[in-house]
Protein backbone atom coordinates (compact mmCIF):
# COMPACT_ATOMS: atom_id res chain seq x y z
CA UNK A 1 89.61 56.61 214.95
CA UNK A 2 87.01 59.27 215.49
CA UNK A 3 86.78 61.10 218.78
CA UNK A 4 83.60 59.13 219.54
CA UNK A 5 85.41 55.84 218.88
CA UNK A 6 88.29 56.92 221.11
CA UNK A 7 85.81 57.90 223.84
CA UNK A 8 84.07 54.53 223.64
CA UNK A 9 87.37 52.65 223.82
CA UNK A 10 88.68 54.85 226.66
CA UNK A 11 85.53 54.23 228.73
CA UNK A 12 85.86 50.47 228.11
CA UNK A 13 89.48 50.48 229.31
CA UNK A 14 88.62 52.59 232.38
CA UNK A 15 85.69 50.37 233.38
CA UNK A 16 88.07 47.38 233.20
CA UNK A 17 90.74 49.37 235.12
CA UNK A 18 93.14 48.80 232.20
CA UNK A 19 94.72 52.25 232.23
CA UNK A 20 98.08 51.17 230.78
CA UNK A 21 96.35 49.60 227.78
CA UNK A 22 94.43 52.85 227.25
CA UNK A 23 97.66 54.84 227.33
CA UNK A 24 99.47 52.57 224.88
CA UNK A 25 96.59 52.33 222.41
CA UNK A 26 94.96 55.75 222.53
CA UNK A 27 97.58 58.34 223.51
CA UNK A 28 100.00 60.31 221.34
CA UNK A 29 103.73 60.03 222.13
CA UNK A 30 103.83 63.71 223.14
CA UNK A 31 100.65 63.66 225.27
CA UNK A 32 100.47 65.60 228.52
CA UNK A 33 98.63 64.82 231.74
CA UNK A 34 97.54 67.63 234.08
CA UNK A 35 96.53 66.98 237.69
CA UNK A 36 94.59 69.50 239.82
CA UNK A 37 97.82 70.20 241.75
CA UNK A 38 101.15 68.56 242.58
CA UNK A 39 100.76 66.12 245.46
CA UNK A 40 102.08 62.90 246.93
CA UNK A 41 105.12 62.71 244.69
CA UNK A 42 103.15 63.56 241.54
CA UNK A 43 103.91 66.63 239.48
CA UNK A 44 101.08 68.88 238.34
CA UNK A 45 102.07 68.21 234.70
CA UNK A 46 103.48 65.04 233.21
CA UNK A 47 104.78 65.27 229.65
CA UNK A 48 105.24 62.42 227.22
CA UNK A 49 103.61 59.01 226.91
CA UNK A 50 106.42 57.15 228.68
CA UNK A 51 106.16 59.48 231.69
CA UNK A 52 102.35 59.15 231.73
CA UNK A 53 102.65 55.34 231.68
CA UNK A 54 105.18 55.48 234.54
CA UNK A 55 102.86 57.75 236.54
CA UNK A 56 100.01 55.29 236.01
CA UNK A 57 102.14 52.35 237.15
CA UNK A 58 103.16 54.30 240.25
CA UNK A 59 99.52 55.07 241.08
CA UNK A 60 98.49 51.43 240.54
CA UNK A 61 101.31 50.28 242.85
CA UNK A 62 99.86 52.48 245.60
CA UNK A 63 96.41 50.86 245.36
CA UNK A 64 95.98 48.19 248.01
CA UNK A 65 92.51 47.17 246.85
CA UNK A 66 90.01 48.45 244.27
CA UNK A 67 86.32 47.95 245.00
CA UNK A 68 85.31 49.14 241.54
CA UNK A 69 84.92 52.18 239.35
CA UNK A 70 81.99 53.98 237.79
CA UNK A 71 81.94 56.35 234.86
CA UNK A 72 79.32 58.70 233.54
CA UNK A 73 78.41 58.55 229.89
CA UNK A 74 81.07 60.50 228.00
CA UNK A 75 80.35 63.90 226.51
CA UNK A 76 82.00 64.06 223.10
CA UNK A 77 82.63 66.95 220.71
CA UNK A 78 84.76 67.10 217.59
CA UNK A 79 88.03 66.93 219.54
CA UNK A 80 87.10 66.67 223.23
CA UNK A 81 85.91 63.99 225.62
CA UNK A 82 84.72 64.46 229.21
CA UNK A 83 83.28 62.16 231.84
CA UNK A 84 82.98 61.80 235.60
CA UNK A 85 85.14 59.02 236.98
CA UNK A 86 84.66 57.57 240.46
CA UNK A 87 86.98 55.06 242.14
CA UNK A 88 86.11 53.14 245.31
CA UNK A 89 89.58 52.30 246.53
CA UNK A 90 91.84 51.60 249.48
CA UNK A 91 95.25 53.13 249.04
CA UNK A 92 98.20 51.68 250.96
CA UNK A 93 98.35 53.17 254.46
CA UNK A 94 94.96 54.92 254.14
CA UNK A 95 91.33 54.20 254.80
CA UNK A 96 88.97 53.12 252.03
CA UNK A 97 87.78 56.17 250.12
CA UNK A 98 85.80 57.30 247.11
CA UNK A 99 87.68 59.52 244.64
CA UNK A 100 85.67 61.43 242.06
CA UNK A 101 87.16 63.44 239.20
CA UNK A 102 85.99 65.19 236.08
CA UNK A 103 88.27 63.86 233.33
CA UNK A 104 88.73 65.96 230.18
CA UNK A 105 90.65 64.78 227.11
CA UNK A 106 91.73 66.53 223.92
CA UNK A 107 92.05 64.50 220.71
CA UNK A 108 94.19 65.45 217.71
CA UNK A 109 95.15 63.30 214.72
CA UNK A 110 93.26 60.28 216.12
CA UNK A 111 95.12 60.23 219.45
CA UNK A 112 94.64 61.71 222.92
CA UNK A 113 97.09 64.60 223.22
CA UNK A 114 96.07 65.82 226.67
CA UNK A 115 94.20 64.69 229.74
CA UNK A 116 93.24 66.94 232.63
CA UNK A 117 91.62 66.01 235.91
CA UNK A 118 89.44 68.21 238.10
CA UNK A 119 88.30 67.33 241.62
């Protein structure tokens, strides 16, 4: 897949809130995920697809209700993808909130090898 094809598929998965499917289909086994900082039981860096999938499942288990997501059109270069991702969500034990992140992905050998989130 080209980087543009990966970007298109990733955006589709995110709009459908199918993050696990995105991980399994689009990510390399040795991918890394980098958060802005360690918080709430999440490390700043998560290494390996299995660990990224587990992190995603943990996050999803903490969501009490999702009111939808929005994504900007992706910016795509030869090996990079970026978009703004906004979630309208109620996390367990918290008030409803809007979370917005800049999501940046690196692609190598037709797979996502890194994701990094900026608030």
